[in-house]
Amino acid sequence: MEFETKMRLLNAAHQHYDAIASRARANMAVYLNSSTGIGEHSDLVEEIVEFIDKITAAEDCKRTIESIIKDTCAEA
């Protein structure tokens, strides 16, 4: 596979996880800063924990992709 194609795929994957983390952060901000949308959720702590889990997983995946990009660039 061409180097450029590899980089496009890795960058797209990185953007995917960046979007997941951004979405979780935005939703968590709504929970923490506004009562809007909270009425149907009785366990707010569990919701926050889920957002934190999503952010952590996405950030971990982004670091892994960054490491793969570094290795791929070193091989080129």
PDB file of N, CA and C in Angstrom:
ATOM      1  N   MET A   1       0.850  -1.172   0.000  1.00  0.00           N
ATOM      2  CA  MET A   1       0.000   0.000   0.000  1.00  0.00           C
ATOM      3  C   MET A   1       0.899   1.239   0.000  1.00  0.00           C
ATOM      4  N   GLU A   2       0.500   2.244  -0.754  1.00  0.00           N
ATOM      5  CA  GLU A   2       1.264   3.480  -0.830  1.00  0.00           C
ATOM      6  C   GLU A   2       1.290   4.192   0.521  1.00  0.00           C
ATOM      7  N   PHE A   3       2.386   4.886   0.764  1.00  0.00           N
ATOM      8  CA  PHE A   3       2.535   5.652   2.000  1.00  0.00           C
ATOM      9  C   PHE A   3       1.391   6.652   2.166  1.00  0.00           C
ATOM     10  N   GLU A   4       1.065   7.373   1.099  1.00  0.00           N
ATOM     11  CA  GLU A   4       0.005   8.386   1.161  1.00  0.00           C
ATOM     12  C   GLU A   4      -1.339   7.763   1.542  1.00  0.00           C
ATOM     13  N   THR A   5      -1.640   6.606   0.994  1.00  0.00           N
ATOM     14  CA  THR A   5      -2.891   5.908   1.309  1.00  0.00           C
ATOM     15  C   THR A   5      -2.906   5.474   2.773  1.00  0.00           C
ATOM     16  N   LYS A   6      -1.784   4.951   3.252  1.00  0.00           N
ATOM     17  CA  LYS A   6      -1.687   4.562   4.665  1.00  0.00           C
ATOM     18  C   LYS A   6      -1.955   5.754   5.569  1.00  0.00           C
ATOM     19  N   MET A   7      -1.348   6.888   5.228  1.00  0.00           N
ATOM     20  CA  MET A   7      -1.506   8.081   6.061  1.00  0.00           C
ATOM     21  C   MET A   7      -2.948   8.593   6.037  1.00  0.00           C
ATOM     22  N   ARG A   8      -3.577   8.532   4.891  1.00  0.00           N
ATOM     23  CA  ARG A   8      -4.983   8.955   4.805  1.00  0.00           C
ATOM     24  C   ARG A   8      -5.871   8.083   5.690  1.00  0.00           C
ATOM     25  N   LEU A   9      -5.644   6.791   5.643  1.00  0.00           N
ATOM     26  CA  LEU A   9      -6.437   5.871   6.457  1.00  0.00           C
ATOM     27  C   LEU A   9      -6.200   6.106   7.949  1.00  0.00           C
ATOM     28  N   LEU A  10      -4.939   6.264   8.317  1.00  0.00           N
ATOM     29  CA  LEU A  10      -4.623   6.504   9.734  1.00  0.00           C
ATOM     30  C   LEU A  10      -5.170   7.846  10.201  1.00  0.00           C
ATOM     31  N   ASN A  11      -5.068   8.871   9.357  1.00  0.00           N
ATOM     32  CA  ASN A  11      -5.618  10.182   9.726  1.00  0.00           C
ATOM     33  C   ASN A  11      -7.139  10.136   9.851  1.00  0.00           C
ATOM     34  N   ALA A  12      -7.792   9.394   8.980  1.00  0.00           N
ATOM     35  CA  ALA A  12      -9.252   9.253   9.073  1.00  0.00           C
ATOM     36  C   ALA A  12      -9.646   8.547  10.368  1.00  0.00           C
ATOM     37  N   ALA A  13      -8.893   7.520  10.732  1.00  0.00           N
ATOM     38  CA  ALA A  13      -9.169   6.820  11.990  1.00  0.00           C
ATOM     39  C   ALA A  13      -8.956   7.754  13.177  1.00  0.00           C
ATOM     40  N   HIS A  14      -7.904   8.561  13.122  1.00  0.00           N
ATOM     41  CA  HIS A  14      -7.622   9.524  14.191  1.00  0.00           C
ATOM     42  C   HIS A  14      -8.766  10.525  14.314  1.00  0.00           C
ATOM     43  N   GLN A  15      -9.245  11.032  13.186  1.00  0.00           N
ATOM     44  CA  GLN A  15     -10.366  11.977  13.187  1.00  0.00           C
ATOM     45  C   GLN A  15     -11.634  11.337  13.749  1.00  0.00           C
ATOM     46  N   HIS A  16     -11.825  10.062  13.449  1.00  0.00           N
ATOM     47  CA  HIS A  16     -12.980   9.322  13.977  1.00  0.00           C
ATOM     48  C   HIS A  16     -12.967   9.348  15.507  1.00  0.00           C
ATOM     49  N   TYR A  17     -11.816   9.007  16.096  1.00  0.00           N
ATOM     50  CA  TYR A  17     -11.728   8.982  17.551  1.00  0.00           C
ATOM     51  C   TYR A  17     -11.744  10.383  18.151  1.00  0.00           C
ATOM     52  N   ASP A  18     -11.230  11.350  17.416  1.00  0.00           N
ATOM     53  CA  ASP A  18     -11.304  12.737  17.868  1.00  0.00           C
ATOM     54  C   ASP A  18     -12.771  13.182  17.954  1.00  0.00           C
ATOM     55  N   ALA A  19     -13.555  12.784  16.972  1.00  0.00           N
ATOM     56  CA  ALA A  19     -14.983  13.126  16.970  1.00  0.00           C
ATOM     57  C   ALA A  19     -15.721  12.450  18.124  1.00  0.00           C
ATOM     58  N   ILE A  20     -15.383  11.206  18.410  1.00  0.00           N
ATOM     59  CA  ILE A  20     -16.015  10.501  19.532  1.00  0.00           C
ATOM     60  C   ILE A  20     -15.715  11.229  20.836  1.00  0.00           C
ATOM     61  N   ALA A  21     -14.454  11.609  21.037  1.00  0.00           N
ATOM     62  CA  ALA A  21     -14.073  12.316  22.265  1.00  0.00           C
ATOM     63  C   ALA A  21     -14.757  13.679  22.340  1.00  0.00           C
ATOM     64  N   SER A  22     -14.805  14.398  21.234  1.00  0.00           N
ATOM     65  CA  SER A  22     -15.443  15.717  21.202  1.00  0.00           C
ATOM     66  C   SER A  22     -16.934  15.622  21.513  1.00  0.00           C
ATOM     67  N   ARG A  23     -17.576  14.616  20.954  1.00  0.00           N
ATOM     68  CA  ARG A  23     -19.014  14.423  21.203  1.00  0.00           C
ATOM     69  C   ARG A  23     -19.270  14.123  22.675  1.00  0.00           C
ATOM     70  N   ALA A  24     -18.465  13.243  23.254  1.00  0.00           N
ATOM     71  CA  ALA A  24     -18.635  12.908  24.675  1.00  0.00           C
ATOM     72  C   ALA A  24     -18.385  14.119  25.556  1.00  0.00           C
ATOM     73  N   ARG A  25     -17.360  14.917  25.216  1.00  0.00           N
ATOM     74  CA  ARG A  25     -17.086  16.134  25.995  1.00  0.00           C
ATOM     75  C   ARG A  25     -18.244  17.130  25.905  1.00  0.00           C
ATOM     76  N   ALA A  26     -18.788  17.287  24.714  1.00  0.00           N
ATOM     77  CA  ALA A  26     -19.904  18.217  24.526  1.00  0.00           C
ATOM     78  C   ALA A  26     -21.131  17.765  25.305  1.00  0.00           C
ATOM     79  N   ASN A  27     -21.447  16.480  25.229  1.00  0.00           N
ATOM     80  CA  ASN A  27     -22.601  15.964  25.961  1.00  0.00           C
ATOM     81  C   ASN A  27     -22.401  16.072  27.467  1.00  0.00           C
ATOM     82  N   MET A  28     -21.180  15.789  27.925  1.00  0.00           N
ATOM     83  CA  MET A  28     -20.905  15.892  29.351  1.00  0.00           C
ATOM     84  C   MET A  28     -21.034  17.342  29.811  1.00  0.00           C
ATOM     85  N   ALA A  29     -20.610  18.287  28.991  1.00  0.00           N
ATOM     86  CA  ALA A  29     -20.732  19.703  29.335  1.00  0.00           C
ATOM     87  C   ALA A  29     -22.194  20.097  29.525  1.00  0.00           C
ATOM     88  N   VAL A  30     -23.068  19.541  28.700  1.00  0.00           N
ATOM     89  CA  VAL A  30     -24.501  19.823  28.854  1.00  0.00           C
ATOM     90  C   VAL A  30     -24.979  19.317  30.209  1.00  0.00           C
ATOM     91  N   TYR A  31     -24.579  18.118  30.567  1.00  0.00           N
ATOM     92  CA  TYR A  31     -24.971  17.545  31.856  1.00  0.00           C
ATOM     93  C   TYR A  31     -24.441  18.371  33.023  1.00  0.00           C
ATOM     94  N   LEU A  32     -23.213  18.840  32.898  1.00  0.00           N
ATOM     95  CA  LEU A  32     -22.587  19.549  34.006  1.00  0.00           C
ATOM     96  C   LEU A  32     -23.004  21.018  34.104  1.00  0.00           C
ATOM     97  N   ASN A  33     -23.420  21.595  32.990  1.00  0.00           N
ATOM     98  CA  ASN A  33     -23.692  23.033  32.973  1.00  0.00           C
ATOM     99  C   ASN A  33     -25.146  23.411  32.788  1.00  0.00           C
ATOM    100  N   SER A  34     -26.010  22.434  32.559  1.00  0.00           N
ATOM    101  CA  SER A  34     -27.405  22.752  32.261  1.00  0.00           C
ATOM    102  C   SER A  34     -28.306  21.608  32.698  1.00  0.00           C
ATOM    103  N   SER A  35     -29.499  21.938  33.054  1.00  0.00           N
ATOM    104  CA  SER A  35     -30.458  20.901  33.417  1.00  0.00           C
ATOM    105  C   SER A  35     -31.200  20.375  32.187  1.00  0.00           C
ATOM    106  N   THR A  36     -30.965  20.958  31.031  1.00  0.00           N
ATOM    107  CA  THR A  36     -31.606  20.535  29.789  1.00  0.00           C
ATOM    108  C   THR A  36     -31.215  19.101  29.459  1.00  0.00           C
ATOM    109  N   GLY A  37     -32.189  18.272  29.200  1.00  0.00           N
ATOM    110  CA  GLY A  37     -31.917  16.896  28.790  1.00  0.00           C
ATOM    111  C   GLY A  37     -31.606  15.944  29.922  1.00  0.00           C
ATOM    112  N   ILE A  38     -31.648  16.416  31.145  1.00  0.00           N
ATOM    113  CA  ILE A  38     -31.296  15.560  32.274  1.00  0.00           C
ATOM    114  C   ILE A  38     -32.519  14.830  32.833  1.00  0.00           C
ATOM    115  N   GLY A  39     -33.700  15.359  32.608  1.00  0.00           N
ATOM    116  CA  GLY A  39     -34.918  14.828  33.202  1.00  0.00           C
ATOM    117  C   GLY A  39     -35.136  13.345  33.033  1.00  0.00           C
ATOM    118  N   GLU A  40     -34.757  12.790  31.882  1.00  0.00           N
ATOM    119  CA  GLU A  40     -35.015  11.366  31.645  1.00  0.00           C
ATOM    120  C   GLU A  40     -33.915  10.457  32.169  1.00  0.00           C
ATOM    121  N   HIS A  41     -32.896  11.004  32.801  1.00  0.00           N
ATOM    122  CA  HIS A  41     -31.789  10.199  33.324  1.00  0.00           C
ATOM    123  C   HIS A  41     -31.745  10.301  34.847  1.00  0.00           C
ATOM    124  N   SER A  42     -31.940   9.169  35.491  1.00  0.00           N
ATOM    125  CA  SER A  42     -31.978   9.188  36.955  1.00  0.00           C
ATOM    126  C   SER A  42     -30.600   9.013  37.581  1.00  0.00           C
ATOM    127  N   ASP A  43     -29.676   8.373  36.896  1.00  0.00           N
ATOM    128  CA  ASP A  43     -28.344   8.145  37.452  1.00  0.00           C
ATOM    129  C   ASP A  43     -27.332   9.003  36.699  1.00  0.00           C
ATOM    130  N   LEU A  44     -27.222  10.241  37.122  1.00  0.00           N
ATOM    131  CA  LEU A  44     -26.358  11.192  36.433  1.00  0.00           C
ATOM    132  C   LEU A  44     -24.882  10.821  36.559  1.00  0.00           C
ATOM    133  N   VAL A  45     -24.496  10.276  37.700  1.00  0.00           N
ATOM    134  CA  VAL A  45     -23.108   9.869  37.877  1.00  0.00           C
ATOM    135  C   VAL A  45     -22.748   8.800  36.845  1.00  0.00           C
ATOM    136  N   GLU A  46     -23.630   7.842  36.638  1.00  0.00           N
ATOM    137  CA  GLU A  46     -23.381   6.797  35.648  1.00  0.00           C
ATOM    138  C   GLU A  46     -23.223   7.401  34.252  1.00  0.00           C
ATOM    139  N   GLU A  47     -24.024   8.389  33.926  1.00  0.00           N
ATOM    140  CA  GLU A  47     -23.904   9.055  32.630  1.00  0.00           C
ATOM    141  C   GLU A  47     -22.543   9.729  32.496  1.00  0.00           C
ATOM    142  N   ILE A  48     -22.095  10.419  33.534  1.00  0.00           N
ATOM    143  CA  ILE A  48     -20.791  11.084  33.506  1.00  0.00           C
ATOM    144  C   ILE A  48     -19.679  10.046  33.369  1.00  0.00           C
ATOM    145  N   VAL A  49     -19.786   8.950  34.104  1.00  0.00           N
ATOM    146  CA  VAL A  49     -18.790   7.878  34.022  1.00  0.00           C
ATOM    147  C   VAL A  49     -18.719   7.338  32.593  1.00  0.00           C
ATOM    148  N   GLU A  50     -19.860   7.156  31.956  1.00  0.00           N
ATOM    149  CA  GLU A  50     -19.869   6.666  30.575  1.00  0.00           C
ATOM    150  C   GLU A  50     -19.195   7.651  29.627  1.00  0.00           C
ATOM    151  N   PHE A  51     -19.445   8.944  29.823  1.00  0.00           N
ATOM    152  CA  PHE A  51     -18.780   9.947  28.987  1.00  0.00           C
ATOM    153  C   PHE A  51     -17.266   9.901  29.195  1.00  0.00           C
ATOM    154  N   ILE A  52     -16.845   9.791  30.442  1.00  0.00           N
ATOM    155  CA  ILE A  52     -15.410   9.729  30.749  1.00  0.00           C
ATOM    156  C   ILE A  52     -14.792   8.477  30.135  1.00  0.00           C
ATOM    157  N   ASP A  53     -15.490   7.352  30.215  1.00  0.00           N
ATOM    158  CA  ASP A  53     -14.991   6.116  29.597  1.00  0.00           C
ATOM    159  C   ASP A  53     -14.823   6.286  28.090  1.00  0.00           C
ATOM    160  N   LYS A  54     -15.796   6.923  27.436  1.00  0.00           N
ATOM    161  CA  LYS A  54     -15.716   7.142  25.992  1.00  0.00           C
ATOM    162  C   LYS A  54     -14.543   8.053  25.646  1.00  0.00           C
ATOM    163  N   ILE A  55     -14.371   9.116  26.417  1.00  0.00           N
ATOM    164  CA  ILE A  55     -13.265  10.046  26.171  1.00  0.00           C
ATOM    165  C   ILE A  55     -11.931   9.342  26.349  1.00  0.00           C
ATOM    166  N   THR A  56     -11.791   8.591  27.434  1.00  0.00           N
ATOM    167  CA  THR A  56     -10.539   7.888  27.723  1.00  0.00           C
ATOM    168  C   THR A  56     -10.215   6.874  26.640  1.00  0.00           C
ATOM    169  N   ALA A  57     -11.198   6.097  26.232  1.00  0.00           N
ATOM    170  CA  ALA A  57     -10.974   5.098  25.183  1.00  0.00           C
ATOM    171  C   ALA A  57     -10.569   5.773  23.874  1.00  0.00           C
ATOM    172  N   ALA A  58     -11.248   6.849  23.519  1.00  0.00           N
ATOM    173  CA  ALA A  58     -10.933   7.552  22.278  1.00  0.00           C
ATOM    174  C   ALA A  58      -9.536   8.155  22.327  1.00  0.00           C
ATOM    175  N   GLU A  59      -9.183   8.765  23.452  1.00  0.00           N
ATOM    176  CA  GLU A  59      -7.848   9.357  23.592  1.00  0.00           C
ATOM    177  C   GLU A  59      -6.765   8.281  23.531  1.00  0.00           C
ATOM    178  N   ASP A  60      -7.020   7.134  24.137  1.00  0.00           N
ATOM    179  CA  ASP A  60      -6.067   6.019  24.057  1.00  0.00           C
ATOM    180  C   ASP A  60      -5.889   5.555  22.612  1.00  0.00           C
ATOM    181  N   CYS A  61      -6.987   5.439  21.896  1.00  0.00           N
ATOM    182  CA  CYS A  61      -6.918   5.023  20.495  1.00  0.00           C
ATOM    183  C   CYS A  61      -6.157   6.051  19.662  1.00  0.00           C
ATOM    184  N   LYS A  62      -6.390   7.336  19.928  1.00  0.00           N
ATOM    185  CA  LYS A  62      -5.665   8.372  19.197  1.00  0.00           C
ATOM    186  C   LYS A  62      -4.161   8.278  19.453  1.00  0.00           C
ATOM    187  N   ARG A  63      -3.770   8.020  20.701  1.00  0.00           N
ATOM    188  CA  ARG A  63      -2.339   7.866  21.001  1.00  0.00           C
ATOM    189  C   ARG A  63      -1.753   6.658  20.274  1.00  0.00           C
ATOM    190  N   THR A  64      -2.507   5.593  20.204  1.00  0.00           N
ATOM    191  CA  THR A  64      -2.042   4.407  19.485  1.00  0.00           C
ATOM    192  C   THR A  64      -1.856   4.718  18.005  1.00  0.00           C
ATOM    193  N   ILE A  65      -2.819   5.401  17.419  1.00  0.00           N
ATOM    194  CA  ILE A  65      -2.717   5.773  16.005  1.00  0.00           C
ATOM    195  C   ILE A  65      -1.516   6.685  15.783  1.00  0.00           C
ATOM    196  N   GLU A  66      -1.300   7.636  16.692  1.00  0.00           N
ATOM    197  CA  GLU A  66      -0.148   8.527  16.565  1.00  0.00           C
ATOM    198  C   GLU A  66       1.153   7.745  16.595  1.00  0.00           C
ATOM    199  N   SER A  67       1.213   6.709  17.428  1.00  0.00           N
ATOM    200  CA  SER A  67       2.397   5.857  17.481  1.00  0.00           C
ATOM    201  C   SER A  67       2.580   5.095  16.171  1.00  0.00           C
ATOM    202  N   ILE A  68       1.486   4.592  15.616  1.00  0.00           N
ATOM    203  CA  ILE A  68       1.549   3.879  14.341  1.00  0.00           C
ATOM    204  C   ILE A  68       1.984   4.836  13.229  1.00  0.00           C
ATOM    205  N   ILE A  69       1.482   6.057  13.251  1.00  0.00           N
ATOM    206  CA  ILE A  69       1.892   7.051  12.250  1.00  0.00           C
ATOM    207  C   ILE A  69       3.389   7.315  12.347  1.00  0.00           C
ATOM    208  N   LYS A  70       3.863   7.475  13.572  1.00  0.00           N
ATOM    209  CA  LYS A  70       5.300   7.709  13.787  1.00  0.00           C
ATOM    210  C   LYS A  70       6.121   6.553  13.226  1.00  0.00           C
ATOM    211  N   ASP A  71       5.704   5.326  13.516  1.00  0.00           N
ATOM    212  CA  ASP A  71       6.416   4.143  13.020  1.00  0.00           C
ATOM    213  C   ASP A  71       6.357   4.068  11.491  1.00  0.00           C
ATOM    214  N   THR A  72       5.195   4.398  10.941  1.00  0.00           N
ATOM    215  CA  THR A  72       5.020   4.348   9.494  1.00  0.00           C
ATOM    216  C   THR A  72       5.902   5.381   8.805  1.00  0.00           C
ATOM    217  N   CYS A  73       5.994   6.567   9.396  1.00  0.00           N
ATOM    218  CA  CYS A  73       6.860   7.608   8.835  1.00  0.00           C
ATOM    219  C   CYS A  73       8.327   7.215   8.922  1.00  0.00           C
ATOM    220  N   ALA A  74       8.696   6.547   9.991  1.00  0.00           N
ATOM    221  CA  ALA A  74      10.082   6.105  10.168  1.00  0.00           C
ATOM    222  C   ALA A  74      10.464   5.040   9.139  1.00  0.00           C
ATOM    223  N   GLU A  75       9.474   4.232   8.745  1.00  0.00           N
ATOM    224  CA  GLU A  75       9.729   3.183   7.762  1.00  0.00           C
ATOM    225  C   GLU A  75       9.831   3.743   6.345  1.00  0.00           C
ATOM    226  N   ALA A  76       9.208   4.888   6.117  1.00  0.00           N
ATOM    227  CA  ALA A  76       9.163   5.465   4.752  1.00  0.00           C
ATOM    228  C   ALA A  76      10.497   6.045   4.327  1.00  0.00           C
TER     229      ALA A  76
END
